[in-house]
Amino acid sequence: MEKKLILLVDDDLPYLKMIRGSLVRKYRVIPAVSGAHAVSIATVVKPDLILLDYLMPEMDGSQVLRELRKHEETADIPVMFLTGKNDAPSVHKVMEDHPAGYILKSMKIQEIMSIVDRQMGYVEYENDPDFQRD
């Protein structure tokens, strides 16, 4: 079974490398350092998920998401915003674009992986109270 594909977009190279290093253990990951680059890549490869930095120069996450939704081939790709801001007004602003979700950059990598896994349909059954082993 082929690994699912994530397009990871962030202009902060150290953060991009750190997150990519964890994601590649389970997923195929294509990094992009700008919003325009992300749109062009998404159109060609049609990833299963886009993790998108919300605050970037030139084309921010909100603009990227709007651009992706304009095109039939990218309109349905789930997008989760990556953001460093967790105050209520910032979170409200992020959610106005109706992404699939958002991830705080300050979260531990295990928490980030858990959110991504849930979005991609992977469930850790041993932590699920409703799971019963035979």
C-alpha atoms as a PDB file:
ATOM      1  CA  MET A   1       0.000   0.000   0.000  1.00  0.00           C
ATOM      2  CA  GLU A   2       1.392   3.351  -1.026  1.00  0.00           C
ATOM      3  CA  LYS A   3       1.884   5.995   1.636  1.00  0.00           C
ATOM      4  CA  LYS A   4      -0.472   8.966   1.554  1.00  0.00           C
ATOM      5  CA  LEU A   5       0.926  12.268   0.294  1.00  0.00           C
ATOM      6  CA  ILE A   6       1.182  15.492   2.278  1.00  0.00           C
ATOM      7  CA  LEU A   7       2.120  18.874   0.845  1.00  0.00           C
ATOM      8  CA  LEU A   8       3.875  20.735   3.668  1.00  0.00           C
ATOM      9  CA  VAL A   9       4.074  24.503   3.204  1.00  0.00           C
ATOM     10  CA  ASP A  10       6.056  26.833   5.455  1.00  0.00           C
ATOM     11  CA  ASP A  11       8.498  29.669   4.861  1.00  0.00           C
ATOM     12  CA  ASP A  12      10.309  28.867   8.140  1.00  0.00           C
ATOM     13  CA  LEU A  13      12.923  26.370   6.915  1.00  0.00           C
ATOM     14  CA  PRO A  14      13.972  24.976  10.319  1.00  0.00           C
ATOM     15  CA  TYR A  15      10.320  24.318  11.225  1.00  0.00           C
ATOM     16  CA  LEU A  16       9.637  22.848   7.780  1.00  0.00           C
ATOM     17  CA  LYS A  17      12.576  20.440   8.132  1.00  0.00           C
ATOM     18  CA  MET A  18      11.606  19.449  11.674  1.00  0.00           C
ATOM     19  CA  ILE A  19       7.975  18.645  10.796  1.00  0.00           C
ATOM     20  CA  ARG A  20       8.966  16.940   7.558  1.00  0.00           C
ATOM     21  CA  GLY A  21      11.425  14.738   9.449  1.00  0.00           C
ATOM     22  CA  SER A  22       8.609  13.365  11.596  1.00  0.00           C
ATOM     23  CA  LEU A  23       6.014  13.078   8.836  1.00  0.00           C
ATOM     24  CA  VAL A  24       8.241  11.095   6.435  1.00  0.00           C
ATOM     25  CA  ARG A  25       8.218   8.122   8.781  1.00  0.00           C
ATOM     26  CA  LYS A  26       4.584   7.494   7.847  1.00  0.00           C
ATOM     27  CA  TYR A  27       3.794   9.671   4.809  1.00  0.00           C
ATOM     28  CA  ARG A  28       5.264  10.873   1.550  1.00  0.00           C
ATOM     29  CA  VAL A  29       5.967  14.589   2.006  1.00  0.00           C
ATOM     30  CA  ILE A  30       6.565  17.307  -0.542  1.00  0.00           C
ATOM     31  CA  PRO A  31       7.870  20.539   1.014  1.00  0.00           C
ATOM     32  CA  ALA A  32       7.130  24.006  -0.360  1.00  0.00           C
ATOM     33  CA  VAL A  33       8.412  27.328   0.956  1.00  0.00           C
ATOM     34  CA  SER A  34       5.835  29.682  -0.560  1.00  0.00           C
ATOM     35  CA  GLY A  35       2.134  29.865  -1.219  1.00  0.00           C
ATOM     36  CA  ALA A  36       2.518  30.237  -4.983  1.00  0.00           C
ATOM     37  CA  HIS A  37       4.794  27.191  -5.070  1.00  0.00           C
ATOM     38  CA  ALA A  38       2.229  25.236  -3.041  1.00  0.00           C
ATOM     39  CA  VAL A  39      -0.598  26.052  -5.460  1.00  0.00           C
ATOM     40  CA  SER A  40       1.442  24.954  -8.473  1.00  0.00           C
ATOM     41  CA  ILE A  41       2.514  21.712  -6.766  1.00  0.00           C
ATOM     42  CA  ALA A  42      -0.995  20.881  -5.532  1.00  0.00           C
ATOM     43  CA  THR A  43      -2.398  21.261  -9.027  1.00  0.00           C
ATOM     44  CA  VAL A  44       0.024  18.666 -10.368  1.00  0.00           C
ATOM     45  CA  VAL A  45       0.329  16.096  -7.554  1.00  0.00           C
ATOM     46  CA  LYS A  46      -3.077  16.411  -5.827  1.00  0.00           C
ATOM     47  CA  PRO A  47      -1.936  15.580  -2.289  1.00  0.00           C
ATOM     48  CA  ASP A  48      -4.131  13.834   0.269  1.00  0.00           C
ATOM     49  CA  LEU A  49      -3.570  16.705   2.726  1.00  0.00           C
ATOM     50  CA  ILE A  50      -1.986  20.151   2.718  1.00  0.00           C
ATOM     51  CA  LEU A  51      -0.389  21.453   5.915  1.00  0.00           C
ATOM     52  CA  LEU A  52      -0.200  25.176   5.277  1.00  0.00           C
ATOM     53  CA  ASP A  53       1.504  27.931   7.235  1.00  0.00           C
ATOM     54  CA  TYR A  54      -1.067  30.641   7.876  1.00  0.00           C
ATOM     55  CA  LEU A  55       1.347  33.587   8.029  1.00  0.00           C
ATOM     56  CA  MET A  56       3.672  33.800   5.023  1.00  0.00           C
ATOM     57  CA  PRO A  57       4.959  36.719   2.986  1.00  0.00           C
ATOM     58  CA  GLU A  58       3.571  37.500  -0.476  1.00  0.00           C
ATOM     59  CA  MET A  59       0.738  34.927  -0.389  1.00  0.00           C
ATOM     60  CA  ASP A  60      -0.550  33.978   3.057  1.00  0.00           C
ATOM     61  CA  GLY A  61      -2.363  30.764   3.948  1.00  0.00           C
ATOM     62  CA  SER A  62      -5.787  32.299   3.537  1.00  0.00           C
ATOM     63  CA  GLN A  63      -4.963  33.452   0.005  1.00  0.00           C
ATOM     64  CA  VAL A  64      -3.514  30.037  -0.863  1.00  0.00           C
ATOM     65  CA  LEU A  65      -6.650  28.273   0.374  1.00  0.00           C
ATOM     66  CA  ARG A  66      -8.905  30.590  -1.645  1.00  0.00           C
ATOM     67  CA  GLU A  67      -6.788  29.966  -4.749  1.00  0.00           C
ATOM     68  CA  LEU A  68      -6.930  26.188  -4.262  1.00  0.00           C
ATOM     69  CA  ARG A  69     -10.710  26.289  -3.898  1.00  0.00           C
ATOM     70  CA  LYS A  70     -11.084  28.157  -7.214  1.00  0.00           C
ATOM     71  CA  HIS A  71      -9.875  25.149  -9.189  1.00  0.00           C
ATOM     72  CA  GLU A  72     -11.804  21.917  -9.573  1.00  0.00           C
ATOM     73  CA  GLU A  73      -8.700  19.715  -9.298  1.00  0.00           C
ATOM     74  CA  THR A  74      -7.663  21.199  -5.918  1.00  0.00           C
ATOM     75  CA  ALA A  75     -10.954  22.393  -4.415  1.00  0.00           C
ATOM     76  CA  ASP A  76     -11.556  19.279  -2.314  1.00  0.00           C
ATOM     77  CA  ILE A  77      -8.050  18.761  -0.940  1.00  0.00           C
ATOM     78  CA  PRO A  78      -8.197  19.083   2.861  1.00  0.00           C
ATOM     79  CA  VAL A  79      -6.095  21.961   4.159  1.00  0.00           C
ATOM     80  CA  MET A  80      -4.976  22.313   7.760  1.00  0.00           C
ATOM     81  CA  PHE A  81      -3.398  25.579   8.804  1.00  0.00           C
ATOM     82  CA  LEU A  82      -0.181  25.717  10.796  1.00  0.00           C
ATOM     83  CA  THR A  83      -0.123  28.751  13.060  1.00  0.00           C
ATOM     84  CA  GLY A  84       1.944  30.122  15.893  1.00  0.00           C
ATOM     85  CA  LYS A  85      -0.885  32.239  17.277  1.00  0.00           C
ATOM     86  CA  ASN A  86      -3.344  30.726  19.719  1.00  0.00           C
ATOM     87  CA  ASP A  87      -5.204  33.767  21.040  1.00  0.00           C
ATOM     88  CA  ALA A  88      -8.969  33.752  20.437  1.00  0.00           C
ATOM     89  CA  PRO A  89      -9.076  36.512  17.757  1.00  0.00           C
ATOM     90  CA  SER A  90      -6.284  34.823  15.767  1.00  0.00           C
ATOM     91  CA  VAL A  91      -7.899  31.388  15.967  1.00  0.00           C
ATOM     92  CA  HIS A  92     -11.261  32.875  14.938  1.00  0.00           C
ATOM     93  CA  LYS A  93      -9.616  34.538  11.930  1.00  0.00           C
ATOM     94  CA  VAL A  94      -7.929  31.268  10.902  1.00  0.00           C
ATOM     95  CA  MET A  95     -11.227  29.391  11.120  1.00  0.00           C
ATOM     96  CA  GLU A  96     -13.102  31.956   8.985  1.00  0.00           C
ATOM     97  CA  ASP A  97     -11.632  30.235   5.919  1.00  0.00           C
ATOM     98  CA  HIS A  98     -13.139  26.897   6.995  1.00  0.00           C
ATOM     99  CA  PRO A  99     -10.002  24.767   6.810  1.00  0.00           C
ATOM    100  CA  ALA A 100     -10.101  21.079   7.715  1.00  0.00           C
ATOM    101  CA  GLY A 101      -8.441  22.184  10.956  1.00  0.00           C
ATOM    102  CA  TYR A 102      -5.501  24.012  12.397  1.00  0.00           C
ATOM    103  CA  ILE A 103      -2.354  23.003  14.208  1.00  0.00           C
ATOM    104  CA  LEU A 104      -0.500  25.188  16.668  1.00  0.00           C
ATOM    105  CA  LYS A 105       3.196  25.237  15.878  1.00  0.00           C
ATOM    106  CA  SER A 106       3.940  25.131  19.598  1.00  0.00           C
ATOM    107  CA  MET A 107       2.390  21.661  19.967  1.00  0.00           C
ATOM    108  CA  LYS A 108       4.600  18.679  20.648  1.00  0.00           C
ATOM    109  CA  ILE A 109       5.391  16.646  17.568  1.00  0.00           C
ATOM    110  CA  GLN A 110       3.408  13.684  18.961  1.00  0.00           C
ATOM    111  CA  GLU A 111       0.294  15.882  19.153  1.00  0.00           C
ATOM    112  CA  ILE A 112       0.835  17.146  15.615  1.00  0.00           C
ATOM    113  CA  MET A 113       1.274  13.585  14.323  1.00  0.00           C
ATOM    114  CA  SER A 114      -1.898  12.500  16.124  1.00  0.00           C
ATOM    115  CA  ILE A 115      -3.917  15.305  14.487  1.00  0.00           C
ATOM    116  CA  VAL A 116      -2.489  14.486  11.057  1.00  0.00           C
ATOM    117  CA  ASP A 117      -3.128  10.759  11.567  1.00  0.00           C
ATOM    118  CA  ARG A 118      -6.782  11.408  12.449  1.00  0.00           C
ATOM    119  CA  GLN A 119      -7.198  13.651   9.408  1.00  0.00           C
ATOM    120  CA  MET A 120      -5.650  10.958   7.197  1.00  0.00           C
ATOM    121  CA  GLY A 121      -7.933   8.277   8.658  1.00  0.00           C
ATOM    122  CA  TYR A 122      -5.410   6.497  10.849  1.00  0.00           C
ATOM    123  CA  VAL A 123      -6.649   5.673  14.333  1.00  0.00           C
ATOM    124  CA  GLU A 124      -4.532   4.485  17.217  1.00  0.00           C
ATOM    125  CA  TYR A 125      -6.822   1.680  18.377  1.00  0.00           C
ATOM    126  CA  GLU A 126      -4.967   0.897  21.569  1.00  0.00           C
ATOM    127  CA  ASN A 127      -5.887   4.382  22.822  1.00  0.00           C
ATOM    128  CA  ASP A 128      -9.528   4.086  21.725  1.00  0.00           C
ATOM    129  CA  PRO A 129     -11.814   3.084  24.659  1.00  0.00           C
ATOM    130  CA  ASP A 130     -14.386   1.658  22.205  1.00  0.00           C
ATOM    131  CA  PHE A 131     -11.914  -0.741  20.587  1.00  0.00           C
ATOM    132  CA  GLN A 132     -12.243  -4.353  21.711  1.00  0.00           C
ATOM    133  CA  ARG A 133      -9.671  -6.987  20.864  1.00  0.00           C
ATOM    134  CA  ASP A 134     -10.801 -10.539  20.092  1.00  0.00           C
END
